[in-house]
Amino acid sequence: MDPKQIAKQMIVFNKTAFDNNFSAMQALHEQTERLVNKFWEKSPMFPEEGKKAISEWMKSYKKGSDDLKNAVDENFKKVEDFFNESK
């Protein structure tokens, strides 16, 4: 079998594995975020500044997660383009 074909298949496999794991991680984060939000809404003891801090933390996490996904997708695209150009 052609080594380039093997490399392409490995790239596709790794991209699929990353996408599936990232989707699972994102679903877990969304579920946790909903749970934490419900908890903080009903907690009279927790100060408003703390609620704002956690909200900002969740927004930062979401932005970082989206940035990671975009960077990985771009790099997979670059590798795929490299193998497609070297035919």
Protein backbone atom coordinates (compact mmCIF):
# COMPACT_ATOMS: atom_id res chain seq x y z
CA MET A 1 0.00 0.00 0.00
CA ASP A 2 1.15 3.52 -0.77
CA PRO A 3 2.69 5.31 2.25
CA LYS A 4 0.86 8.54 1.33
CA GLN A 5 -2.46 6.70 1.35
CA ILE A 6 -1.65 5.24 4.78
CA ALA A 7 -0.77 8.72 6.08
CA LYS A 8 -4.03 10.14 4.71
CA GLN A 9 -6.03 7.39 6.41
CA MET A 10 -4.21 8.05 9.68
CA ILE A 11 -5.02 11.75 9.40
CA VAL A 12 -8.70 11.05 8.74
CA PHE A 13 -8.80 8.62 11.67
CA ASN A 14 -7.14 11.11 14.03
CA LYS A 15 -9.40 13.97 12.91
CA THR A 16 -12.48 11.81 13.46
CA ALA A 17 -11.22 10.74 16.89
CA PHE A 18 -10.51 14.36 17.83
CA ASP A 19 -13.91 15.57 16.59
CA ASN A 20 -15.74 12.84 18.52
CA ASN A 21 -13.80 13.46 21.72
CA PHE A 22 -14.18 17.22 21.40
CA SER A 23 -17.95 16.85 20.90
CA ALA A 24 -18.19 14.68 24.02
CA MET A 25 -16.11 17.16 26.01
CA GLN A 26 -18.27 20.03 24.79
CA ALA A 27 -21.48 18.19 25.72
CA LEU A 28 -20.10 17.50 29.20
CA HIS A 29 -19.15 21.17 29.59
CA GLU A 30 -22.61 22.35 28.53
CA GLN A 31 -24.28 19.94 30.95
CA THR A 32 -22.01 21.07 33.79
CA GLU A 33 -22.61 24.72 32.92
CA ARG A 34 -26.38 24.24 33.12
CA LEU A 35 -26.05 22.45 36.45
CA VAL A 36 -23.77 25.14 37.92
CA ASN A 37 -26.07 27.92 36.68
CA LYS A 38 -29.11 26.33 38.33
CA PHE A 39 -27.17 25.87 41.54
CA TRP A 40 -25.97 29.49 41.66
CA GLU A 41 -29.41 30.87 40.78
CA LYS A 42 -30.92 29.22 43.83
CA SER A 43 -28.03 29.88 46.22
CA PRO A 44 -28.75 32.99 48.30
CA MET A 45 -25.44 32.68 50.15
CA PHE A 46 -23.25 33.08 47.09
CA PRO A 47 -22.37 36.75 46.40
CA GLU A 48 -23.20 38.40 43.09
CA GLU A 49 -19.51 39.09 42.41
CA GLY A 50 -18.82 35.35 42.65
CA LYS A 51 -21.61 34.60 40.20
CA LYS A 52 -20.14 37.13 37.76
CA ALA A 53 -16.67 35.64 38.18
CA ILE A 54 -17.92 32.14 37.42
CA SER A 55 -19.88 33.43 34.45
CA GLU A 56 -16.76 35.12 33.07
CA TRP A 57 -14.74 31.97 33.71
CA MET A 58 -17.25 29.91 31.73
CA LYS A 59 -17.18 32.42 28.87
CA SER A 60 -13.37 32.31 28.83
CA TYR A 61 -13.43 28.52 28.80
CA LYS A 62 -15.91 28.51 25.90
CA LYS A 63 -13.78 30.97 23.92
CA GLY A 64 -10.62 28.97 24.59
CA SER A 65 -12.38 25.77 23.60
CA ASP A 66 -13.61 27.32 20.35
CA ASP A 67 -10.12 28.69 19.61
CA LEU A 68 -8.62 25.23 20.19
CA LYS A 69 -11.15 23.61 17.85
CA ASN A 70 -10.47 26.19 15.14
CA ALA A 71 -6.69 25.80 15.47
CA VAL A 72 -6.88 22.01 15.28
CA ASP A 73 -9.24 22.14 12.29
CA GLU A 74 -6.89 24.55 10.49
CA ASN A 75 -3.91 22.32 11.14
CA PHE A 76 -5.71 19.18 9.96
CA LYS A 77 -6.68 21.12 6.82
CA LYS A 78 -3.04 22.12 6.24
CA VAL A 79 -1.87 18.52 6.58
CA GLU A 80 -4.62 17.28 4.25
CA ASP A 81 -3.69 19.96 1.71
CA PHE A 82 -0.03 18.97 1.96
CA PHE A 83 -0.81 15.35 1.10
CA ASN A 84 -3.23 16.35 -1.66
CA GLU A 85 -0.60 18.62 -3.28
CA SER A 86 2.14 16.00 -3.22
CA LYS A 87 0.39 13.64 -5.66
